[in-house]
PDB file of N, CA and C in Angstrom:
ATOM      1  N   MET A   1       0.844  -1.173   0.000  1.00  0.00           N
ATOM      2  CA  MET A   1       0.000   0.000   0.000  1.00  0.00           C
ATOM      3  C   MET A   1       0.892   1.239   0.000  1.00  0.00           C
ATOM      4  N   PRO A   2       0.647   2.185  -0.907  1.00  0.00           N
ATOM      5  CA  PRO A   2       1.463   3.400  -0.966  1.00  0.00           C
ATOM      6  C   PRO A   2       1.354   4.234   0.311  1.00  0.00           C
ATOM      7  N   VAL A   3       2.499   4.793   0.703  1.00  0.00           N
ATOM      8  CA  VAL A   3       2.578   5.642   1.890  1.00  0.00           C
ATOM      9  C   VAL A   3       3.144   6.995   1.462  1.00  0.00           C
ATOM     10  N   ASP A   4       2.471   8.099   1.860  1.00  0.00           N
ATOM     11  CA  ASP A   4       2.979   9.438   1.568  1.00  0.00           C
ATOM     12  C   ASP A   4       4.224   9.697   2.407  1.00  0.00           C
ATOM     13  N   ILE A   5       5.283  10.194   1.765  1.00  0.00           N
ATOM     14  CA  ILE A   5       6.549  10.488   2.438  1.00  0.00           C
ATOM     15  C   ILE A   5       6.811  11.993   2.436  1.00  0.00           C
ATOM     16  N   ASN A   6       6.837  12.601   1.266  1.00  0.00           N
ATOM     17  CA  ASN A   6       7.064  14.040   1.081  1.00  0.00           C
ATOM     18  C   ASN A   6       8.319  14.544   1.792  1.00  0.00           C
ATOM     19  N   GLU A   7       9.442  13.866   1.554  1.00  0.00           N
ATOM     20  CA  GLU A   7      10.736  14.258   2.107  1.00  0.00           C
ATOM     21  C   GLU A   7      11.673  14.656   0.978  1.00  0.00           C
ATOM     22  N   THR A   8      12.491  15.669   1.220  1.00  0.00           N
ATOM     23  CA  THR A   8      13.507  16.065   0.259  1.00  0.00           C
ATOM     24  C   THR A   8      14.548  14.951   0.157  1.00  0.00           C
ATOM     25  N   VAL A   9      14.913  14.623  -1.071  1.00  0.00           N
ATOM     26  CA  VAL A   9      15.932  13.596  -1.311  1.00  0.00           C
ATOM     27  C   VAL A   9      16.945  14.131  -2.317  1.00  0.00           C
ATOM     28  N   LYS A  10      18.123  13.521  -2.311  1.00  0.00           N
ATOM     29  CA  LYS A  10      19.144  13.837  -3.309  1.00  0.00           C
ATOM     30  C   LYS A  10      18.980  12.860  -4.458  1.00  0.00           C
ATOM     31  N   VAL A  11      18.993  13.388  -5.677  1.00  0.00           N
ATOM     32  CA  VAL A  11      18.797  12.562  -6.863  1.00  0.00           C
ATOM     33  C   VAL A  11      19.919  12.838  -7.857  1.00  0.00           C
ATOM     34  N   MET A  12      20.479  11.779  -8.412  1.00  0.00           N
ATOM     35  CA  MET A  12      21.384  11.913  -9.537  1.00  0.00           C
ATOM     36  C   MET A  12      20.526  11.715 -10.776  1.00  0.00           C
ATOM     37  N   ALA A  13      20.584  12.696 -11.677  1.00  0.00           N
ATOM     38  CA  ALA A  13      19.737  12.643 -12.862  1.00  0.00           C
ATOM     39  C   ALA A  13      20.526  13.040 -14.094  1.00  0.00           C
ATOM     40  N   ILE A  14      20.040  12.608 -15.236  1.00  0.00           N
ATOM     41  CA  ILE A  14      20.591  12.993 -16.524  1.00  0.00           C
ATOM     42  C   ILE A  14      19.653  14.036 -17.116  1.00  0.00           C
ATOM     43  N   PHE A  15      20.210  15.174 -17.508  1.00  0.00           N
ATOM     44  CA  PHE A  15      19.439  16.231 -18.141  1.00  0.00           C
ATOM     45  C   PHE A  15      19.863  16.303 -19.605  1.00  0.00           C
ATOM     46  N   ASP A  16      19.159  15.568 -20.458  1.00  0.00           N
ATOM     47  CA  ASP A  16      19.443  15.520 -21.882  1.00  0.00           C
ATOM     48  C   ASP A  16      18.119  15.282 -22.584  1.00  0.00           C
ATOM     49  N   CYS A  17      17.599  16.296 -23.234  1.00  0.00           N
ATOM     50  CA  CYS A  17      16.265  16.202 -23.852  1.00  0.00           C
ATOM     51  C   CYS A  17      15.224  15.853 -22.793  1.00  0.00           C
ATOM     52  N   GLY A  18      15.280  16.519 -21.676  1.00  0.00           N
ATOM     53  CA  GLY A  18      14.390  16.245 -20.551  1.00  0.00           C
ATOM     54  C   GLY A  18      15.209  15.831 -19.350  1.00  0.00           C
ATOM     55  N   VAL A  19      14.539  15.284 -18.350  1.00  0.00           N
ATOM     56  CA  VAL A  19      15.210  14.863 -17.127  1.00  0.00           C
ATOM     57  C   VAL A  19      14.915  13.386 -16.887  1.00  0.00           C
ATOM     58  N   LYS A  20      15.930  12.667 -16.423  1.00  0.00           N
ATOM     59  CA  LYS A  20      15.777  11.227 -16.152  1.00  0.00           C
ATOM     60  C   LYS A  20      16.537  10.886 -14.874  1.00  0.00           C
ATOM     61  N   PRO A  21      15.821  10.525 -13.788  1.00  0.00           N
ATOM     62  CA  PRO A  21      16.510  10.133 -12.556  1.00  0.00           C
ATOM     63  C   PRO A  21      17.257   8.807 -12.746  1.00  0.00           C
ATOM     64  N   VAL A  22      18.470   8.738 -12.167  1.00  0.00           N
ATOM     65  CA  VAL A  22      19.319   7.554 -12.290  1.00  0.00           C
ATOM     66  C   VAL A  22      19.413   6.812 -10.960  1.00  0.00           C
ATOM     67  N   LYS A  23      19.521   7.578  -9.855  1.00  0.00           N
ATOM     68  CA  LYS A  23      19.515   7.000  -8.513  1.00  0.00           C
ATOM     69  C   LYS A  23      19.169   8.102  -7.529  1.00  0.00           C
ATOM     70  N   PHE A  24      18.743   7.693  -6.317  1.00  0.00           N
ATOM     71  CA  PHE A  24      18.413   8.673  -5.291  1.00  0.00           C
ATOM     72  C   PHE A  24      18.835   8.162  -3.923  1.00  0.00           C
ATOM     73  N   LYS A  25      19.028   9.116  -3.007  1.00  0.00           N
ATOM     74  CA  LYS A  25      19.448   8.780  -1.656  1.00  0.00           C
ATOM     75  C   LYS A  25      18.338   9.160  -0.686  1.00  0.00           C
ATOM     76  N   TRP A  26      17.915   8.172   0.117  1.00  0.00           N
ATOM     77  CA  TRP A  26      16.859   8.375   1.102  1.00  0.00           C
ATOM     78  C   TRP A  26      17.248   7.648   2.383  1.00  0.00           C
ATOM     79  N   LYS A  27      17.249   8.370   3.480  1.00  0.00           N
ATOM     80  CA  LYS A  27      17.573   7.817   4.799  1.00  0.00           C
ATOM     81  C   LYS A  27      18.913   7.073   4.794  1.00  0.00           C
ATOM     82  N   GLY A  28      19.904   7.693   4.148  1.00  0.00           N
ATOM     83  CA  GLY A  28      21.248   7.140   4.161  1.00  0.00           C
ATOM     84  C   GLY A  28      21.506   6.004   3.190  1.00  0.00           C
ATOM     85  N   ARG A  29      20.505   5.616   2.434  1.00  0.00           N
ATOM     86  CA  ARG A  29      20.666   4.505   1.494  1.00  0.00           C
ATOM     87  C   ARG A  29      20.506   5.008   0.068  1.00  0.00           C
ATOM     88  N   VAL A  30      21.328   4.491  -0.844  1.00  0.00           N
ATOM     89  CA  VAL A  30      21.239   4.852  -2.258  1.00  0.00           C
ATOM     90  C   VAL A  30      20.405   3.796  -2.982  1.00  0.00           C
ATOM     91  N   TYR A  31      19.406   4.273  -3.734  1.00  0.00           N
ATOM     92  CA  TYR A  31      18.507   3.412  -4.490  1.00  0.00           C
ATOM     93  C   TYR A  31      18.763   3.612  -5.981  1.00  0.00           C
ATOM     94  N   PRO A  32      19.164   2.581  -6.704  1.00  0.00           N
ATOM     95  CA  PRO A  32      19.328   2.727  -8.149  1.00  0.00           C
ATOM     96  C   PRO A  32      17.957   2.737  -8.823  1.00  0.00           C
ATOM     97  N   VAL A  33      17.802   3.569  -9.824  1.00  0.00           N
ATOM     98  CA  VAL A  33      16.560   3.566 -10.592  1.00  0.00           C
ATOM     99  C   VAL A  33      16.747   2.570 -11.731  1.00  0.00           C
ATOM    100  N   LYS A  34      16.145   1.413 -11.577  1.00  0.00           N
ATOM    101  CA  LYS A  34      16.268   0.371 -12.591  1.00  0.00           C
ATOM    102  C   LYS A  34      15.216   0.525 -13.680  1.00  0.00           C
ATOM    103  N   GLU A  35      14.089   1.178 -13.336  1.00  0.00           N
ATOM    104  CA  GLU A  35      13.018   1.351 -14.311  1.00  0.00           C
ATOM    105  C   GLU A  35      12.184   2.578 -13.955  1.00  0.00           C
ATOM    106  N   ILE A  36      11.862   3.363 -14.965  1.00  0.00           N
ATOM    107  CA  ILE A  36      10.873   4.437 -14.822  1.00  0.00           C
ATOM    108  C   ILE A  36       9.582   3.865 -15.385  1.00  0.00           C
ATOM    109  N   THR A  37       8.619   3.625 -14.503  1.00  0.00           N
ATOM    110  CA  THR A  37       7.388   2.963 -14.935  1.00  0.00           C
ATOM    111  C   THR A  37       6.358   3.934 -15.492  1.00  0.00           C
ATOM    112  N   HIS A  38       6.463   5.208 -15.100  1.00  0.00           N
ATOM    113  CA  HIS A  38       5.507   6.209 -15.571  1.00  0.00           C
ATOM    114  C   HIS A  38       6.047   7.587 -15.230  1.00  0.00           C
ATOM    115  N   SER A  39       5.694   8.592 -16.011  1.00  0.00           N
ATOM    116  CA  SER A  39       6.032   9.973 -15.671  1.00  0.00           C
ATOM    117  C   SER A  39       4.893  10.880 -16.105  1.00  0.00           C
ATOM    118  N   TRP A  40       4.738  11.987 -15.387  1.00  0.00           N
ATOM    119  CA  TRP A  40       3.680  12.945 -15.695  1.00  0.00           C
ATOM    120  C   TRP A  40       4.049  14.302 -15.120  1.00  0.00           C
ATOM    121  N   ARG A  41       3.365  15.327 -15.552  1.00  0.00           N
ATOM    122  CA  ARG A  41       3.603  16.701 -15.094  1.00  0.00           C
ATOM    123  C   ARG A  41       2.396  17.200 -14.325  1.00  0.00           C
ATOM    124  N   SER A  42       2.663  18.129 -13.395  1.00  0.00           N
ATOM    125  CA  SER A  42       1.569  18.782 -12.670  1.00  0.00           C
ATOM    126  C   SER A  42       1.963  20.232 -12.419  1.00  0.00           C
ATOM    127  N   ARG A  43       0.977  21.044 -12.085  1.00  0.00           N
ATOM    128  CA  ARG A  43       1.198  22.455 -11.787  1.00  0.00           C
ATOM    129  C   ARG A  43       0.464  22.805 -10.511  1.00  0.00           C
ATOM    130  N   ASP A  44       1.025  23.797  -9.808  1.00  0.00           N
ATOM    131  CA  ASP A  44       0.379  24.374  -8.635  1.00  0.00           C
ATOM    132  C   ASP A  44       0.647  25.874  -8.716  1.00  0.00           C
ATOM    133  N   GLY A  45      -0.273  26.605  -9.339  1.00  0.00           N
ATOM    134  CA  GLY A  45      -0.050  28.027  -9.581  1.00  0.00           C
ATOM    135  C   GLY A  45       1.106  28.202 -10.548  1.00  0.00           C
ATOM    136  N   ASP A  46       2.138  28.957 -10.136  1.00  0.00           N
ATOM    137  CA  ASP A  46       3.313  29.176 -10.974  1.00  0.00           C
ATOM    138  C   ASP A  46       4.319  28.033 -10.886  1.00  0.00           C
ATOM    139  N   LEU A  47       4.102  27.096  -9.985  1.00  0.00           N
ATOM    140  CA  LEU A  47       5.033  25.983  -9.802  1.00  0.00           C
ATOM    141  C   LEU A  47       4.735  24.871 -10.803  1.00  0.00           C
ATOM    142  N   SER A  48       5.789  24.219 -11.260  1.00  0.00           N
ATOM    143  CA  SER A  48       5.668  23.131 -12.217  1.00  0.00           C
ATOM    144  C   SER A  48       6.493  21.947 -11.709  1.00  0.00           C
ATOM    145  N   PHE A  49       5.909  20.759 -11.771  1.00  0.00           N
ATOM    146  CA  PHE A  49       6.550  19.556 -11.253  1.00  0.00           C
ATOM    147  C   PHE A  49       6.548  18.456 -12.306  1.00  0.00           C
ATOM    148  N   VAL A  50       7.611  17.648 -12.284  1.00  0.00           N
ATOM    149  CA  VAL A  50       7.660  16.433 -13.093  1.00  0.00           C
ATOM    150  C   VAL A  50       7.722  15.269 -12.114  1.00  0.00           C
ATOM    151  N   HIS A  51       6.790  14.345 -12.252  1.00  0.00           N
ATOM    152  CA  HIS A  51       6.684  13.188 -11.366  1.00  0.00           C
ATOM    153  C   HIS A  51       7.207  11.952 -12.101  1.00  0.00           C
ATOM    154  N   PHE A  52       7.920  11.115 -11.369  1.00  0.00           N
ATOM    155  CA  PHE A  52       8.427   9.861 -11.921  1.00  0.00           C
ATOM    156  C   PHE A  52       8.050   8.725 -10.984  1.00  0.00           C
ATOM    157  N   SER A  53       7.407   7.719 -11.500  1.00  0.00           N
ATOM    158  CA  SER A  53       7.192   6.482 -10.766  1.00  0.00           C
ATOM    159  C   SER A  53       8.354   5.582 -11.148  1.00  0.00           C
ATOM    160  N   VAL A  54       9.204   5.253 -10.148  1.00  0.00           N
ATOM    161  CA  VAL A  54      10.420   4.496 -10.438  1.00  0.00           C
ATOM    162  C   VAL A  54      10.499   3.253  -9.562  1.00  0.00           C
ATOM    163  N   SER A  55      11.272   2.293 -10.048  1.00  0.00           N
ATOM    164  CA  SER A  55      11.489   1.060  -9.294  1.00  0.00           C
ATOM    165  C   SER A  55      12.981   0.793  -9.181  1.00  0.00           C
ATOM    166  N   ASP A  56      13.380   0.294  -8.019  1.00  0.00           N
ATOM    167  CA  ASP A  56      14.762  -0.146  -7.823  1.00  0.00           C
ATOM    168  C   ASP A  56      14.870  -1.661  -7.988  1.00  0.00           C
ATOM    169  N   GLY A  57      13.818  -2.273  -8.477  1.00  0.00           N
ATOM    170  CA  GLY A  57      13.773  -3.718  -8.646  1.00  0.00           C
ATOM    171  C   GLY A  57      13.053  -4.414  -7.507  1.00  0.00           C
ATOM    172  N   GLN A  58      12.829  -3.683  -6.390  1.00  0.00           N
ATOM    173  CA  GLN A  58      12.131  -4.247  -5.235  1.00  0.00           C
ATOM    174  C   GLN A  58      10.939  -3.397  -4.826  1.00  0.00           C
ATOM    175  N   GLY A  59      11.145  -2.094  -4.717  1.00  0.00           N
ATOM    176  CA  GLY A  59      10.080  -1.183  -4.290  1.00  0.00           C
ATOM    177  C   GLY A  59       9.701  -0.226  -5.402  1.00  0.00           C
ATOM    178  N   LEU A  60       8.592   0.471  -5.204  1.00  0.00           N
ATOM    179  CA  LEU A  60       8.104   1.471  -6.143  1.00  0.00           C
ATOM    180  C   LEU A  60       8.083   2.812  -5.424  1.00  0.00           C
ATOM    181  N   TYR A  61       8.592   3.858  -6.083  1.00  0.00           N
ATOM    182  CA  TYR A  61       8.755   5.174  -5.472  1.00  0.00           C
ATOM    183  C   TYR A  61       8.274   6.256  -6.424  1.00  0.00           C
ATOM    184  N   GLU A  62       7.752   7.345  -5.875  1.00  0.00           N
ATOM    185  CA  GLU A  62       7.398   8.504  -6.686  1.00  0.00           C
ATOM    186  C   GLU A  62       8.394   9.622  -6.380  1.00  0.00           C
ATOM    187  N   LEU A  63       9.220   9.954  -7.366  1.00  0.00           N
ATOM    188  CA  LEU A  63      10.141  11.070  -7.252  1.00  0.00           C
ATOM    189  C   LEU A  63       9.509  12.275  -7.936  1.00  0.00           C
ATOM    190  N   VAL A  64       9.587  13.446  -7.285  1.00  0.00           N
ATOM    191  CA  VAL A  64       8.971  14.657  -7.816  1.00  0.00           C
ATOM    192  C   VAL A  64      10.054  15.719  -7.980  1.00  0.00           C
ATOM    193  N   TYR A  65      10.195  16.220  -9.203  1.00  0.00           N
ATOM    194  CA  TYR A  65      11.181  17.254  -9.506  1.00  0.00           C
ATOM    195  C   TYR A  65      10.464  18.595  -9.625  1.00  0.00           C
ATOM    196  N   ASP A  66      10.852  19.549  -8.786  1.00  0.00           N
ATOM    197  CA  ASP A  66      10.312  20.904  -8.817  1.00  0.00           C
ATOM    198  C   ASP A  66      11.133  21.688  -9.831  1.00  0.00           C
ATOM    199  N   THR A  67      10.541  22.019 -10.976  1.00  0.00           N
ATOM    200  CA  THR A  67      11.282  22.661 -12.056  1.00  0.00           C
ATOM    201  C   THR A  67      11.565  24.135 -11.789  1.00  0.00           C
ATOM    202  N   VAL A  68      10.953  24.714 -10.769  1.00  0.00           N
ATOM    203  CA  VAL A  68      11.216  26.112 -10.410  1.00  0.00           C
ATOM    204  C   VAL A  68      12.323  26.180  -9.353  1.00  0.00           C
ATOM    205  N   ALA A  69      12.163  25.450  -8.251  1.00  0.00           N
ATOM    206  CA  ALA A  69      13.159  25.442  -7.165  1.00  0.00           C
ATOM    207  C   ALA A  69      14.336  24.518  -7.465  1.00  0.00           C
ATOM    208  N   LEU A  70      14.196  23.659  -8.471  1.00  0.00           N
ATOM    209  CA  LEU A  70      15.238  22.710  -8.891  1.00  0.00           C
ATOM    210  C   LEU A  70      15.624  21.750  -7.772  1.00  0.00           C
ATOM    211  N   ASN A  71      14.605  21.213  -7.073  1.00  0.00           N
ATOM    212  CA  ASN A  71      14.887  20.215  -6.035  1.00  0.00           C
ATOM    213  C   ASN A  71      13.971  19.013  -6.209  1.00  0.00           C
ATOM    214  N   TRP A  72      14.295  17.945  -5.489  1.00  0.00           N
ATOM    215  CA  TRP A  72      13.591  16.675  -5.594  1.00  0.00           C
ATOM    216  C   TRP A  72      12.936  16.306  -4.270  1.00  0.00           C
ATOM    217  N   THR A  73      11.798  15.649  -4.368  1.00  0.00           N
ATOM    218  CA  THR A  73      11.075  15.147  -3.209  1.00  0.00           C
ATOM    219  C   THR A  73      10.687  13.694  -3.467  1.00  0.00           C
ATOM    220  N   LEU A  74      10.780  12.878  -2.424  1.00  0.00           N
ATOM    221  CA  LEU A  74      10.208  11.536  -2.487  1.00  0.00           C
ATOM    222  C   LEU A  74       8.766  11.694  -2.055  1.00  0.00           C
ATOM    223  N   GLY A  75       7.849  11.630  -3.000  1.00  0.00           N
ATOM    224  CA  GLY A  75       6.441  11.870  -2.724  1.00  0.00           C
ATOM    225  C   GLY A  75       5.772  10.738  -1.966  1.00  0.00           C
ATOM    226  N   ARG A  76       5.953   9.539  -2.462  1.00  0.00           N
ATOM    227  CA  ARG A  76       5.367   8.365  -1.808  1.00  0.00           C
ATOM    228  C   ARG A  76       6.135   7.124  -2.211  1.00  0.00           C
ATOM    229  N   THR A  77       5.873   6.051  -1.483  1.00  0.00           N
ATOM    230  CA  THR A  77       6.534   4.783  -1.737  1.00  0.00           C
ATOM    231  C   THR A  77       5.665   3.639  -1.253  1.00  0.00           C
ATOM    232  N   ASP A  78       5.943   2.470  -1.768  1.00  0.00           N
ATOM    233  CA  ASP A  78       5.324   1.264  -1.202  1.00  0.00           C
ATOM    234  C   ASP A  78       6.334   0.542  -0.321  1.00  0.00           C
ATOM    235  N   ASP A  79       7.493   1.202  -0.084  1.00  0.00           N
ATOM    236  CA  ASP A  79       8.571   0.644   0.737  1.00  0.00           C
ATOM    237  C   ASP A  79       8.853   1.633   1.866  1.00  0.00           C
ATOM    238  N   ALA A  80       7.930   1.781   2.811  1.00  0.00           N
ATOM    239  CA  ALA A  80       7.983   2.842   3.825  1.00  0.00           C
ATOM    240  C   ALA A  80       9.026   2.615   4.910  1.00  0.00           C
ATOM    241  N   ALA A  81       9.568   1.416   5.003  1.00  0.00           N
ATOM    242  CA  ALA A  81      10.537   1.138   6.075  1.00  0.00           C
ATOM    243  C   ALA A  81      11.806   0.555   5.476  1.00  0.00           C
ATOM    244  N   PRO A  82      12.641   1.411   4.807  1.00  0.00           N
ATOM    245  CA  PRO A  82      13.842   0.871   4.196  1.00  0.00           C
ATOM    246  C   PRO A  82      14.842   0.418   5.236  1.00  0.00           C
ATOM    247  N   SER A  83      15.629  -0.579   4.883  1.00  0.00           N
ATOM    248  CA  SER A  83      16.695  -1.005   5.793  1.00  0.00           C
ATOM    249  C   SER A  83      17.834  -0.010   5.698  1.00  0.00           C
ATOM    250  N   ILE A  84      18.435   0.297   6.829  1.00  0.00           N
ATOM    251  CA  ILE A  84      19.517   1.295   6.854  1.00  0.00           C
ATOM    252  C   ILE A  84      20.835   0.589   7.101  1.00  0.00           C
TER     253      ILE A  84
END
């Protein structure tokens, strides 16, 4: 069951004809992005976000890129208790 997280995370991404997350760090652990299962855009007033549903091969995570502030958030996950 998906759990809302909404925590700032560090993401390594490729910016070439768009943005593509490669791996992210959450709670001291690095998660490789093995698959982007879906992506979509959203807006909140003047703010613009790109959402990525990604998998590390075990869990599913929603990474959100704020295109104005240029930061990343882990929006939700089905892996709410990662091993540290």
